[in-house]
Structure formats: C-alpha cells, structure tokens
Amino acid sequence: MANTVTFSRGDSFACSWTWNPAAGELANLIGTTITSTLRDNCGAEYDMTVTLAGNGLSFTTTFVGDTSNWHLGLASWDIRFQFPGNPVTHSNLFRVQVQETITQA
C-alpha cells in the first residue's frame, strides 16, 4: 500500500480520515487529542487543524495557511493520537510529493 500522494504547491490542503477500530481498540476517538504536522523537503513544519466528527468515527486534517511557500520535493507527514489515560501512538508516515504549480491566476 502506497502512502505517497502528489500535491500542487499553492492549492488547499485537507484530508478526511475514518476511524476503523480493530479488536481491543477504542470504539471511537471521543476524548482523544489528535495533532498532525507536515514537514516539507527543507525541514519547515506546518501544523494541521484537526476537526473530530461528533460521533468520533472520523476527522479532518486541514492546513489553514498558504501552501505556496511549501518547498518542492518529498514532504513527510504523520498524525499523533493521545488517547484517554495518556497512551500515545502515531500513524504510519505519509509522504507528500509537493510539485510546482504552472498555471497562475
């Protein structure tokens, strides 16, 4: 399974996620603190805004700033989960290939 996506610098950046708990995991993410950061090819970090759905079964990660300054190349991105009771885990690492945008307004 590939964890790499291509993204055009200057576009809006957001993703929707679905929580599919395995046996023994929490039934939903209510009460969980979720944070997410993307680190571009030159090491600049961009914090995402995370919005949890009311039922705790999905969430969105959104960068609310301007992506036109993101450096071209392969960026790294993950999601951190701090569950009730304070256990912490991270998602797999995602790769975002930031590419140049040709057509401008």
PDB file of N, CA and C in Angstrom:
ATOM      1  N   MET A   1       0.842  -1.182   0.000  1.00  0.00           N
ATOM      2  CA  MET A   1       0.000   0.000   0.000  1.00  0.00           C
ATOM      3  C   MET A   1       0.883   1.240   0.000  1.00  0.00           C
ATOM      4  N   ALA A   2       0.681   2.093  -0.969  1.00  0.00           N
ATOM      5  CA  ALA A   2       1.485   3.304  -1.080  1.00  0.00           C
ATOM      6  C   ALA A   2       0.954   4.372  -0.142  1.00  0.00           C
ATOM      7  N   ASN A   3       1.861   5.046   0.527  1.00  0.00           N
ATOM      8  CA  ASN A   3       1.497   6.152   1.415  1.00  0.00           C
ATOM      9  C   ASN A   3       2.009   7.467   0.857  1.00  0.00           C
ATOM     10  N   THR A   4       2.115   7.585  -0.473  1.00  0.00           N
ATOM     11  CA  THR A   4       2.604   8.805  -1.104  1.00  0.00           C
ATOM     12  C   THR A   4       1.521   9.400  -1.987  1.00  0.00           C
ATOM     13  N   VAL A   5       1.303  10.705  -1.836  1.00  0.00           N
ATOM     14  CA  VAL A   5       0.360  11.428  -2.685  1.00  0.00           C
ATOM     15  C   VAL A   5       1.099  12.600  -3.318  1.00  0.00           C
ATOM     16  N   THR A   6       0.561  13.103  -4.411  1.00  0.00           N
ATOM     17  CA  THR A   6       1.125  14.263  -5.089  1.00  0.00           C
ATOM     18  C   THR A   6       0.237  15.460  -4.815  1.00  0.00           C
ATOM     19  N   PHE A   7       0.874  16.599  -4.551  1.00  0.00           N
ATOM     20  CA  PHE A   7       0.166  17.816  -4.173  1.00  0.00           C
ATOM     21  C   PHE A   7       0.780  18.995  -4.905  1.00  0.00           C
ATOM     22  N   SER A   8      -0.045  19.877  -5.452  1.00  0.00           N
ATOM     23  CA  SER A   8       0.436  21.074  -6.135  1.00  0.00           C
ATOM     24  C   SER A   8       0.558  22.228  -5.156  1.00  0.00           C
ATOM     25  N   ARG A   9       1.760  22.760  -5.045  1.00  0.00           N
ATOM     26  CA  ARG A   9       2.030  23.879  -4.152  1.00  0.00           C
ATOM     27  C   ARG A   9       1.089  25.037  -4.491  1.00  0.00           C
ATOM     28  N   GLY A  10       0.509  25.647  -3.452  1.00  0.00           N
ATOM     29  CA  GLY A  10      -0.434  26.751  -3.626  1.00  0.00           C
ATOM     30  C   GLY A  10      -1.890  26.319  -3.533  1.00  0.00           C
ATOM     31  N   ASP A  11      -2.158  25.010  -3.649  1.00  0.00           N
ATOM     32  CA  ASP A  11      -3.531  24.503  -3.510  1.00  0.00           C
ATOM     33  C   ASP A  11      -3.919  24.406  -2.041  1.00  0.00           C
ATOM     34  N   SER A  12      -5.205  24.266  -1.791  1.00  0.00           N
ATOM     35  CA  SER A  12      -5.687  23.989  -0.432  1.00  0.00           C
ATOM     36  C   SER A  12      -5.273  22.575  -0.066  1.00  0.00           C
ATOM     37  N   PHE A  13      -4.990  22.357   1.227  1.00  0.00           N
ATOM     38  CA  PHE A  13      -4.536  21.044   1.678  1.00  0.00           C
ATOM     39  C   PHE A  13      -5.426  20.564   2.819  1.00  0.00           C
ATOM     40  N   ALA A  14      -6.156  19.471   2.587  1.00  0.00           N
ATOM     41  CA  ALA A  14      -7.025  18.882   3.609  1.00  0.00           C
ATOM     42  C   ALA A  14      -7.262  17.419   3.279  1.00  0.00           C
ATOM     43  N   CYS A  15      -7.459  16.621   4.320  1.00  0.00           N
ATOM     44  CA  CYS A  15      -7.772  15.194   4.155  1.00  0.00           C
ATOM     45  C   CYS A  15      -8.824  14.786   5.174  1.00  0.00           C
ATOM     46  N   SER A  16      -9.659  13.864   4.766  1.00  0.00           N
ATOM     47  CA  SER A  16     -10.654  13.265   5.668  1.00  0.00           C
ATOM     48  C   SER A  16     -10.197  11.866   6.019  1.00  0.00           C
ATOM     49  N   TRP A  17     -10.404  11.487   7.273  1.00  0.00           N
ATOM     50  CA  TRP A  17      -9.955  10.192   7.784  1.00  0.00           C
ATOM     51  C   TRP A  17     -11.123   9.483   8.468  1.00  0.00           C
ATOM     52  N   THR A  18     -11.137   8.175   8.393  1.00  0.00           N
ATOM     53  CA  THR A  18     -12.155   7.361   9.061  1.00  0.00           C
ATOM     54  C   THR A  18     -11.475   6.461  10.081  1.00  0.00           C
ATOM     55  N   TRP A  19     -12.021   6.423  11.287  1.00  0.00           N
ATOM     56  CA  TRP A  19     -11.515   5.564  12.352  1.00  0.00           C
ATOM     57  C   TRP A  19     -12.182   4.199  12.220  1.00  0.00           C
ATOM     58  N   ASN A  20     -11.368   3.162  11.977  1.00  0.00           N
ATOM     59  CA  ASN A  20     -11.848   1.787  11.881  1.00  0.00           C
ATOM     60  C   ASN A  20     -11.161   0.972  12.961  1.00  0.00           C
ATOM     61  N   PRO A  21     -11.729   0.943  14.157  1.00  0.00           N
ATOM     62  CA  PRO A  21     -11.034   0.287  15.266  1.00  0.00           C
ATOM     63  C   PRO A  21     -10.929  -1.224  15.080  1.00  0.00           C
ATOM     64  N   ALA A  22      -9.761  -1.719  15.412  1.00  0.00           N
ATOM     65  CA  ALA A  22      -9.542  -3.165  15.433  1.00  0.00           C
ATOM     66  C   ALA A  22     -10.007  -3.709  16.789  1.00  0.00           C
ATOM     67  N   ALA A  23     -10.069  -5.000  16.911  1.00  0.00           N
ATOM     68  CA  ALA A  23     -10.466  -5.631  18.169  1.00  0.00           C
ATOM     69  C   ALA A  23      -9.580  -5.119  19.301  1.00  0.00           C
ATOM     70  N   GLY A  24     -10.207  -4.687  20.376  1.00  0.00           N
ATOM     71  CA  GLY A  24      -9.486  -4.208  21.538  1.00  0.00           C
ATOM     72  C   GLY A  24      -9.160  -2.722  21.511  1.00  0.00           C
ATOM     73  N   GLU A  25      -9.424  -2.054  20.390  1.00  0.00           N
ATOM     74  CA  GLU A  25      -9.178  -0.620  20.309  1.00  0.00           C
ATOM     75  C   GLU A  25     -10.427   0.152  20.715  1.00  0.00           C
ATOM     76  N   LEU A  26     -10.249   1.443  20.966  1.00  0.00           N
ATOM     77  CA  LEU A  26     -11.380   2.287  21.323  1.00  0.00           C
ATOM     78  C   LEU A  26     -12.429   2.272  20.212  1.00  0.00           C
ATOM     79  N   ALA A  27     -13.690   2.287  20.603  1.00  0.00           N
ATOM     80  CA  ALA A  27     -14.781   2.266  19.629  1.00  0.00           C
ATOM     81  C   ALA A  27     -14.854   3.562  18.830  1.00  0.00           C
ATOM     82  N   ASN A  28     -14.376   4.665  19.420  1.00  0.00           N
ATOM     83  CA  ASN A  28     -14.363   5.962  18.722  1.00  0.00           C
ATOM     84  C   ASN A  28     -13.237   6.811  19.302  1.00  0.00           C
ATOM     85  N   LEU A  29     -13.047   7.980  18.733  1.00  0.00           N
ATOM     86  CA  LEU A  29     -11.941   8.860  19.137  1.00  0.00           C
ATOM     87  C   LEU A  29     -12.363   9.977  20.081  1.00  0.00           C
ATOM     88  N   ILE A  30     -13.570   9.918  20.607  1.00  0.00           N
ATOM     89  CA  ILE A  30     -14.030  10.943  21.545  1.00  0.00           C
ATOM     90  C   ILE A  30     -13.117  10.930  22.774  1.00  0.00           C
ATOM     91  N   GLY A  31     -12.623  12.100  23.154  1.00  0.00           N
ATOM     92  CA  GLY A  31     -11.698  12.214  24.279  1.00  0.00           C
ATOM     93  C   GLY A  31     -10.238  12.059  23.887  1.00  0.00           C
ATOM     94  N   THR A  32      -9.977  11.797  22.612  1.00  0.00           N
ATOM     95  CA  THR A  32      -8.612  11.637  22.114  1.00  0.00           C
ATOM     96  C   THR A  32      -8.114  12.977  21.578  1.00  0.00           C
ATOM     97  N   THR A  33      -6.884  13.333  21.917  1.00  0.00           N
ATOM     98  CA  THR A  33      -6.266  14.531  21.364  1.00  0.00           C
ATOM     99  C   THR A  33      -5.507  14.123  20.106  1.00  0.00           C
ATOM    100  N   ILE A  34      -5.868  14.730  18.977  1.00  0.00           N
ATOM    101  CA  ILE A  34      -5.250  14.395  17.691  1.00  0.00           C
ATOM    102  C   ILE A  34      -4.507  15.631  17.186  1.00  0.00           C
ATOM    103  N   THR A  35      -3.232  15.454  16.874  1.00  0.00           N
ATOM    104  CA  THR A  35      -2.434  16.530  16.293  1.00  0.00           C
ATOM    105  C   THR A  35      -1.736  15.986  15.052  1.00  0.00           C
ATOM    106  N   SER A  36      -1.344  16.895  14.163  1.00  0.00           N
ATOM    107  CA  SER A  36      -0.733  16.462  12.911  1.00  0.00           C
ATOM    108  C   SER A  36       0.163  17.570  12.377  1.00  0.00           C
ATOM    109  N   THR A  37       1.334  17.180  11.896  1.00  0.00           N
ATOM    110  CA  THR A  37       2.299  18.125  11.352  1.00  0.00           C
ATOM    111  C   THR A  37       2.889  17.564  10.065  1.00  0.00           C
ATOM    112  N   LEU A  38       3.027  18.432   9.064  1.00  0.00           N
ATOM    113  CA  LEU A  38       3.727  18.094   7.825  1.00  0.00           C
ATOM    114  C   LEU A  38       5.073  18.803   7.848  1.00  0.00           C
ATOM    115  N   ARG A  39       6.134  18.090   7.484  1.00  0.00           N
ATOM    116  CA  ARG A  39       7.479  18.669   7.397  1.00  0.00           C
ATOM    117  C   ARG A  39       7.901  18.617   5.929  1.00  0.00           C
ATOM    118  N   ASP A  40       8.166  19.797   5.347  1.00  0.00           N
ATOM    119  CA  ASP A  40       8.500  19.813   3.921  1.00  0.00           C
ATOM    120  C   ASP A  40       9.959  19.414   3.687  1.00  0.00           C
ATOM    121  N   ASN A  41      10.348  19.392   2.440  1.00  0.00           N
ATOM    122  CA  ASN A  41      11.653  18.917   1.999  1.00  0.00           C
ATOM    123  C   ASN A  41      12.820  19.675   2.626  1.00  0.00           C
ATOM    124  N   CYS A  42      12.594  20.914   3.057  1.00  0.00           N
ATOM    125  CA  CYS A  42      13.660  21.721   3.673  1.00  0.00           C
ATOM    126  C   CYS A  42      13.552  21.788   5.189  1.00  0.00           C
ATOM    127  N   GLY A  43      12.630  21.020   5.769  1.00  0.00           N
ATOM    128  CA  GLY A  43      12.509  20.953   7.217  1.00  0.00           C
ATOM    129  C   GLY A  43      11.525  21.921   7.841  1.00  0.00           C
ATOM    130  N   ALA A  44      10.869  22.750   7.032  1.00  0.00           N
ATOM    131  CA  ALA A  44       9.847  23.653   7.586  1.00  0.00           C
ATOM    132  C   ALA A  44       8.633  22.819   7.987  1.00  0.00           C
ATOM    133  N   GLU A  45       8.054  23.123   9.146  1.00  0.00           N
ATOM    134  CA  GLU A  45       6.918  22.359   9.654  1.00  0.00           C
ATOM    135  C   GLU A  45       5.636  23.167   9.595  1.00  0.00           C
ATOM    136  N   TYR A  46       4.548  22.466   9.255  1.00  0.00           N
ATOM    137  CA  TYR A  46       3.231  23.075   9.101  1.00  0.00           C
ATOM    138  C   TYR A  46       2.226  22.267   9.917  1.00  0.00           C
ATOM    139  N   ASP A  47       1.703  22.887  10.975  1.00  0.00           N
ATOM    140  CA  ASP A  47       0.715  22.221  11.825  1.00  0.00           C
ATOM    141  C   ASP A  47      -0.647  22.220  11.150  1.00  0.00           C
ATOM    142  N   MET A  48      -1.327  21.112  11.248  1.00  0.00           N
ATOM    143  CA  MET A  48      -2.665  20.965  10.692  1.00  0.00           C
ATOM    144  C   MET A  48      -3.707  21.287  11.764  1.00  0.00           C
ATOM    145  N   THR A  49      -4.861  21.760  11.335  1.00  0.00           N
ATOM    146  CA  THR A  49      -6.017  21.892  12.210  1.00  0.00           C
ATOM    147  C   THR A  49      -6.785  20.583  12.105  1.00  0.00           C
ATOM    148  N   VAL A  50      -7.082  19.973  13.252  1.00  0.00           N
ATOM    149  CA  VAL A  50      -7.793  18.692  13.268  1.00  0.00           C
ATOM    150  C   VAL A  50      -9.198  18.928  13.804  1.00  0.00           C
ATOM    151  N   THR A  51     -10.187  18.433  13.067  1.00  0.00           N
ATOM    152  CA  THR A  51     -11.587  18.558  13.469  1.00  0.00           C
ATOM    153  C   THR A  51     -12.192  17.169  13.561  1.00  0.00           C
ATOM    154  N   LEU A  52     -12.621  16.808  14.757  1.00  0.00           N
ATOM    155  CA  LEU A  52     -13.212  15.494  15.006  1.00  0.00           C
ATOM    156  C   LEU A  52     -14.718  15.547  14.791  1.00  0.00           C
ATOM    157  N   ALA A  53     -15.261  14.566  14.075  1.00  0.00           N
ATOM    158  CA  ALA A  53     -16.709  14.479  13.880  1.00  0.00           C
ATOM    159  C   ALA A  53     -17.385  14.194  15.221  1.00  0.00           C
ATOM    160  N   GLY A  54     -18.638  14.605  15.354  1.00  0.00           N
ATOM    161  CA  GLY A  54     -19.384  14.447  16.599  1.00  0.00           C
ATOM    162  C   GLY A  54     -19.472  13.015  17.095  1.00  0.00           C
ATOM    163  N   ASN A  55     -19.498  12.039  16.170  1.00  0.00           N
ATOM    164  CA  ASN A  55     -19.605  10.632  16.582  1.00  0.00           C
ATOM    165  C   ASN A  55     -18.246  10.006  16.881  1.00  0.00           C
ATOM    166  N   GLY A  56     -17.159  10.766  16.650  1.00  0.00           N
ATOM    167  CA  GLY A  56     -15.817  10.271  16.958  1.00  0.00           C
ATOM    168  C   GLY A  56     -15.294   9.222  16.005  1.00  0.00           C
ATOM    169  N   LEU A  57     -15.969   9.021  14.883  1.00  0.00           N
ATOM    170  CA  LEU A  57     -15.560   7.972  13.944  1.00  0.00           C
ATOM    171  C   LEU A  57     -14.828   8.500  12.720  1.00  0.00           C
ATOM    172  N   SER A  58     -14.684   9.810  12.613  1.00  0.00           N
ATOM    173  CA  SER A  58     -13.910  10.394  11.518  1.00  0.00           C
ATOM    174  C   SER A  58     -13.372  11.745  11.959  1.00  0.00           C
ATOM    175  N   PHE A  59     -12.379  12.229  11.210  1.00  0.00           N
ATOM    176  CA  PHE A  59     -11.820  13.547  11.480  1.00  0.00           C
ATOM    177  C   PHE A  59     -11.210  14.086  10.194  1.00  0.00           C
ATOM    178  N   THR A  60     -10.979  15.394  10.171  1.00  0.00           N
ATOM    179  CA  THR A  60     -10.306  16.019   9.041  1.00  0.00           C
ATOM    180  C   THR A  60      -9.041  16.700   9.534  1.00  0.00           C
ATOM    181  N   THR A  61      -8.038  16.719   8.678  1.00  0.00           N
ATOM    182  CA  THR A  61      -6.821  17.485   8.919  1.00  0.00           C
ATOM    183  C   THR A  61      -6.751  18.531   7.814  1.00  0.00           C
ATOM    184  N   THR A  62      -6.569  19.790   8.212  1.00  0.00           N
ATOM    185  CA  THR A  62      -6.585  20.894   7.262  1.00  0.00           C
ATOM    186  C   THR A  62      -5.437  21.845   7.562  1.00  0.00           C
ATOM    187  N   PHE A  63      -4.736  22.276   6.526  1.00  0.00           N
ATOM    188  CA  PHE A  63      -3.773  23.350   6.698  1.00  0.00           C
ATOM    189  C   PHE A  63      -4.488  24.640   6.344  1.00  0.00           C
ATOM    190  N   VAL A  64      -4.607  25.548   7.301  1.00  0.00           N
ATOM    191  CA  VAL A  64      -5.409  26.762   7.099  1.00  0.00           C
ATOM    192  C   VAL A  64      -4.600  27.914   6.494  1.00  0.00           C
ATOM    193  N   GLY A  65      -3.315  27.731   6.300  1.00  0.00           N
ATOM    194  CA  GLY A  65      -2.482  28.790   5.750  1.00  0.00           C
ATOM    195  C   GLY A  65      -2.312  28.677   4.242  1.00  0.00           C
ATOM    196  N   ASP A  66      -1.316  29.363   3.756  1.00  0.00           N
ATOM    197  CA  ASP A  66      -0.995  29.419   2.337  1.00  0.00           C
ATOM    198  C   ASP A  66       0.096  28.392   2.034  1.00  0.00           C
ATOM    199  N   THR A  67      -0.166  27.478   1.132  1.00  0.00           N
ATOM    200  CA  THR A  67       0.809  26.432   0.805  1.00  0.00           C
ATOM    201  C   THR A  67       1.782  26.855  -0.294  1.00  0.00           C
ATOM    202  N   SER A  68       1.667  28.076  -0.798  1.00  0.00           N
ATOM    203  CA  SER A  68       2.530  28.494  -1.904  1.00  0.00           C
ATOM    204  C   SER A  68       4.002  28.619  -1.488  1.00  0.00           C
ATOM    205  N   ASN A  69       4.266  28.628  -0.191  1.00  0.00           N
ATOM    206  CA  ASN A  69       5.649  28.700   0.288  1.00  0.00           C
ATOM    207  C   ASN A  69       6.232  27.336   0.632  1.00  0.00           C
ATOM    208  N   TRP A  70       5.441  26.267   0.516  1.00  0.00           N
ATOM    209  CA  TRP A  70       5.972  24.932   0.806  1.00  0.00           C
ATOM    210  C   TRP A  70       7.085  24.632  -0.196  1.00  0.00           C
ATOM    211  N   HIS A  71       8.159  24.046   0.285  1.00  0.00           N
ATOM    212  CA  HIS A  71       9.287  23.712  -0.581  1.00  0.00           C
ATOM    213  C   HIS A  71       8.948  22.506  -1.456  1.00  0.00           C
ATOM    214  N   LEU A  72       9.422  22.547  -2.696  1.00  0.00           N
ATOM    215  CA  LEU A  72       9.190  21.452  -3.630  1.00  0.00           C
ATOM    216  C   LEU A  72       9.952  20.213  -3.180  1.00  0.00           C
ATOM    217  N   GLY A  73       9.402  19.055  -3.473  1.00  0.00           N
ATOM    218  CA  GLY A  73      10.057  17.799  -3.138  1.00  0.00           C
ATOM    219  C   GLY A  73       9.201  16.976  -2.206  1.00  0.00           C
ATOM    220  N   LEU A  74       9.815  15.963  -1.626  1.00  0.00           N
ATOM    221  CA  LEU A  74       9.097  14.989  -0.809  1.00  0.00           C
ATOM    222  C   LEU A  74       8.974  15.464   0.636  1.00  0.00           C
ATOM    223  N   ALA A  75       7.740  15.671   1.086  1.00  0.00           N
ATOM    224  CA  ALA A  75       7.455  16.055   2.469  1.00  0.00           C
ATOM    225  C   ALA A  75       7.042  14.818   3.262  1.00  0.00           C
ATOM    226  N   SER A  76       7.182  14.888   4.580  1.00  0.00           N
ATOM    227  CA  SER A  76       6.765  13.810   5.485  1.00  0.00           C
ATOM    228  C   SER A  76       5.634  14.328   6.368  1.00  0.00           C
ATOM    229  N   TRP A  77       4.716  13.438   6.704  1.00  0.00           N
ATOM    230  CA  TRP A  77       3.528  13.852   7.432  1.00  0.00           C
ATOM    231  C   TRP A  77       3.044  12.688   8.284  1.00  0.00           C
ATOM    232  N   ASP A  78       2.641  12.980   9.521  1.00  0.00           N
ATOM    233  CA  ASP A  78       2.032  11.943  10.352  1.00  0.00           C
ATOM    234  C   ASP A  78       0.947  12.538  11.235  1.00  0.00           C
ATOM    235  N   ILE A  79       0.292  11.657  11.953  1.00  0.00           N
ATOM    236  CA  ILE A  79      -0.793  12.036  12.867  1.00  0.00           C
ATOM    237  C   ILE A  79      -0.480  11.421  14.225  1.00  0.00           C
ATOM    238  N   ARG A  80      -0.625  12.218  15.273  1.00  0.00           N
ATOM    239  CA  ARG A  80      -0.371  11.763  16.647  1.00  0.00           C
ATOM    240  C   ARG A  80      -1.695  11.651  17.384  1.00  0.00           C
ATOM    241  N   PHE A  81      -1.877  10.535  18.072  1.00  0.00           N
ATOM    242  CA  PHE A  81      -3.083  10.277  18.857  1.00  0.00           C
ATOM    243  C   PHE A  81      -2.685  10.141  20.322  1.00  0.00           C
ATOM    244  N   GLN A  82      -3.276  10.983  21.184  1.00  0.00           N
ATOM    245  CA  GLN A  82      -3.104  10.816  22.621  1.00  0.00           C
ATOM    246  C   GLN A  82      -4.467  10.406  23.167  1.00  0.00           C
ATOM    247  N   PHE A  83      -4.577   9.133  23.519  1.00  0.00           N
ATOM    248  CA  PHE A  83      -5.845   8.552  23.930  1.00  0.00           C
ATOM    249  C   PHE A  83      -6.149   8.851  25.399  1.00  0.00           C
ATOM    250  N   PRO A  84      -7.412   8.736  25.795  1.00  0.00           N
ATOM    251  CA  PRO A  84      -7.751   8.909  27.208  1.00  0.00           C
ATOM    252  C   PRO A  84      -6.874   8.008  28.082  1.00  0.00           C
ATOM    253  N   GLY A  85      -6.382   8.552  29.175  1.00  0.00           N
ATOM    254  CA  GLY A  85      -5.464   7.813  30.032  1.00  0.00           C
ATOM    255  C   GLY A  85      -4.014   8.053  29.635  1.00  0.00           C
ATOM    256  N   ASN A  86      -3.785   8.821  28.561  1.00  0.00           N
ATOM    257  CA  ASN A  86      -2.487   9.303  28.097  1.00  0.00           C
ATOM    258  C   ASN A  86      -1.624   8.364  27.264  1.00  0.00           C
ATOM    259  N   PRO A  87      -2.069   7.171  26.831  1.00  0.00           N
ATOM    260  CA  PRO A  87      -1.211   6.441  25.890  1.00  0.00           C
ATOM    261  C   PRO A  87      -1.138   7.196  24.566  1.00  0.00           C
ATOM    262  N   VAL A  88       0.043   7.193  23.956  1.00  0.00           N
ATOM    263  CA  VAL A  88       0.287   7.941  22.720  1.00  0.00           C
ATOM    264  C   VAL A  88       0.729   6.974  21.626  1.00  0.00           C
ATOM    265  N   THR A  89       0.232   7.208  20.418  1.00  0.00           N
ATOM    266  CA  THR A  89       0.688   6.462  19.245  1.00  0.00           C
ATOM    267  C   THR A  89       0.663   7.394  18.048  1.00  0.00           C
ATOM    268  N   HIS A  90       1.365   7.007  17.010  1.00  0.00           N
ATOM    269  CA  HIS A  90       1.416   7.788  15.771  1.00  0.00           C
ATOM    270  C   HIS A  90       0.960   6.932  14.596  1.00  0.00           C
ATOM    271  N   SER A  91       0.459   7.589  13.582  1.00  0.00           N
ATOM    272  CA  SER A  91       0.113   6.904  12.338  1.00  0.00           C
ATOM    273  C   SER A  91       1.392   6.465  11.642  1.00  0.00           C
ATOM    274  N   ASN A  92       1.217   5.695  10.592  1.00  0.00           N
ATOM    275  CA  ASN A  92       2.327   5.478   9.676  1.00  0.00           C
ATOM    276  C   ASN A  92       2.723   6.821   9.099  1.00  0.00           C
ATOM    277  N   LEU A  93       3.929   6.910   8.598  1.00  0.00           N
ATOM    278  CA  LEU A  93       4.390   8.121   7.955  1.00  0.00           C
ATOM    279  C   LEU A  93       3.816   8.196   6.548  1.00  0.00           C
ATOM    280  N   PHE A  94       3.262   9.348   6.215  1.00  0.00           N
ATOM    281  CA  PHE A  94       2.755   9.595   4.872  1.00  0.00           C
ATOM    282  C   PHE A  94       3.762  10.475   4.143  1.00  0.00           C
ATOM    283  N   ARG A  95       3.866  10.297   2.849  1.00  0.00           N
ATOM    284  CA  ARG A  95       4.739  11.124   2.015  1.00  0.00           C
ATOM    285  C   ARG A  95       3.878  11.982   1.100  1.00  0.00           C
ATOM    286  N   VAL A  96       4.241  13.240   0.976  1.00  0.00           N
ATOM    287  CA  VAL A  96       3.527  14.167   0.096  1.00  0.00           C
ATOM    288  C   VAL A  96       4.548  14.750  -0.876  1.00  0.00           C
ATOM    289  N   GLN A  97       4.395  14.427  -2.138  1.00  0.00           N
ATOM    290  CA  GLN A  97       5.270  14.977  -3.171  1.00  0.00           C
ATOM    291  C   GLN A  97       4.731  16.351  -3.558  1.00  0.00           C
ATOM    292  N   VAL A  98       5.410  17.399  -3.088  1.00  0.00           N
ATOM    293  CA  VAL A  98       4.978  18.769  -3.377  1.00  0.00           C
ATOM    294  C   VAL A  98       5.569  19.159  -4.728  1.00  0.00           C
ATOM    295  N   GLN A  99       4.680  19.461  -5.664  1.00  0.00           N
ATOM    296  CA  GLN A  99       5.143  19.793  -7.006  1.00  0.00           C
ATOM    297  C   GLN A  99       4.811  21.237  -7.352  1.00  0.00           C
ATOM    298  N   GLU A 100       5.500  21.735  -8.348  1.00  0.00           N
ATOM    299  CA  GLU A 100       5.319  23.108  -8.803  1.00  0.00           C
ATOM    300  C   GLU A 100       3.954  23.270  -9.468  1.00  0.00           C
ATOM    301  N   THR A 101       3.369  24.445  -9.297  1.00  0.00           N
ATOM    302  CA  THR A 101       2.132  24.800  -9.993  1.00  0.00           C
ATOM    303  C   THR A 101       2.503  25.715 -11.158  1.00  0.00           C
ATOM    304  N   ILE A 102       2.040  25.366 -12.338  1.00  0.00           N
ATOM    305  CA  ILE A 102       2.397  26.124 -13.534  1.00  0.00           C
ATOM    306  C   ILE A 102       1.415  27.256 -13.779  1.00  0.00           C
ATOM    307  N   THR A 103       0.125  26.961 -13.841  1.00  0.00           N
ATOM    308  CA  THR A 103      -0.882  27.955 -14.176  1.00  0.00           C
ATOM    309  C   THR A 103      -1.178  28.809 -12.963  1.00  0.00           C
ATOM    310  N   GLN A 104      -1.067  30.103 -13.108  1.00  0.00           N
ATOM    311  CA  GLN A 104      -1.304  31.051 -12.036  1.00  0.00           C
ATOM    312  C   GLN A 104      -2.491  31.945 -12.406  1.00  0.00           C
ATOM    313  N   ALA A 105      -3.081  32.604 -11.431  1.00  0.00           N
ATOM    314  CA  ALA A 105      -4.210  33.497 -11.674  1.00  0.00           C
ATOM    315  C   ALA A 105      -3.766  34.725 -12.437  1.00  0.00           C
TER     316      ALA A 105
END
